[in-house]
Amino acid sequence: MIRLITGMLILTGFWAQAAQKPNVVFLLSDDQGWMDYGFMGHPDVQTPNLDKLASEGLLYERGYVTAPLCRPSLASLATGIYPHETGVRGNDPVMPKGFSKKGMNQPGNEAMKAQWVQMRNQMTAPVAKCPSFIKELNANGYATLQTGKWWEGNPLDHGFTDAMTHGDPTRGGRHGDKGLDIGRKTMQPIYDFVGKAQQNDQPFFIWYGVFLPHSPHNAPERFYNKYKEIAPDKPTAKYWANVDWFDETCGQLVDHLKEKGLYENTIFVYTCDNGWLPNPERVNGYMRSKREPTEMGIRTPIFVTHAKTVPPQREKEILASNIDVATTILRACGITPPDAMSGLDLRDPKALAKRGRIFVDVYKHDSDIDQLDNLDDGLEARVVIDGWDKLIARPGKKELYDLKSDPDDQTDLAAANPEKVKQLTKLIDEWVQATPPVNFRSGD
């Protein structure tokens, strides 16, 4: 009887401890300009749900991505390490001459299709060797759900217990497949997952990588009608409508957690994968933003909201990075991050202020997967932002900007400041040396 009672007390204590673990919701915007939020002061774009979350948490206005391109940015978020470390530099592999994505699905082109599948599998293999905050959460008893964007094959192989995306390239899996229905078509998979986690008395993590406001900019007319008369052009109105649509879905997720009594014990982390500046002449088009080391390409607000532990605060100068997201989520859940994760805890602004700088990798859209050992292969630029100084180090050219007086990085000061260029270049070199790539070659 004593043993039985002791066992029951131990089990009760285990479930009580599990119940006290915070839930985590990771809200990931897709292709959104850093100014295009109500809480960032935009005069027209309406984001009331994100505004409320941001006002209740710790907001960094000067946040930055690790790469201004979807896949490498998302891989860094999951792993807590930079693109040059993960080997995830571009969205797609460089394919042999004569290859056609459209043609590979035609009868008689089975060999071409098989080559595509083989190369995509080879491209996604490196992430399996990287650390992952999702795997760490799973190992510590969390139920983990993937929805929306996911580039690295089957999410169930990367720490998720549940997933919308199948990731099978033979069935068209590339960057999210069925998972891209979240937000645009349904929120039900999230509600079902939350219900199951509650039934199992299990803390949960939700990856909400919704495909918004990413093109196609086809939000319902009720959103477009808000902006068609006040936007400077149709492409901008369409894009703003998608931003509004994205915000509404975030509100639906938050409202569901409140209805279930889970909001108070849920940590919300928000960021964007890369920036966006609409091309006024083409719907779904962009300019001087995505895939570029410009501020419109790499800057994003970042915030952490938790009613229990994070006092509301707004930081206008301290630099934050998406490299900090993995570390923050793990530490908030009482888990020690793997040594390879170099990010800081976003809940500690003093630590971020002491660091004082952030770094960004910029590579081409397509990667030569046979050249991953060469960190300069496909390199477009590396960026350091040190206080208000910004250096863009492109192959053969360096650009220097003073973001305090030139927040849209339009005036290059490099020629007049060679010593500062030299100092910032040294910072980039030291950063790359201090963050070596993982051993991503299969079989090694």
Foldseek 3Di string as FASTA:
>chain_A
DVVVVVVVVVVVVVLVVQLLFFAEEEAAAEAAFACQEVCNPDPAQYQVLVNVQQQQFEKESFEWFQELAFPQRVLLLFQLAHCLFQLQAAQAADDDPPQDPVVCPDPPNVVSLVVRQVRLQLSLQSSLQGHGLLLVCLVVFAAEEEAAWDARAAVVSVNHPYYQAHRRVVVVRGTGVRRQCPLVPDPVVVLVSVVVCVVVSGHYYYHNNHCPPADPLDAPVVLLVSPVVPDPANQVSSRSSRVNSSSVSSVVSLVSCVVVVNQQRYKYKYKYSWAFATDRVDRNHGPPTRLDPWCRTITHMIIIHHNPPGGRDYHHFQYHYSSQNSCQVQVSSVHHGPPLNPHDHPSDSVVSVVVQKDKHWHFDNHHHSVPSVPSCGRGQWMWMCGRQWIWTGGVVDIFIDRCVVPVRRDDGPCVVCVPVNVVVVVVVVVVDVVNHHDPRRPPD
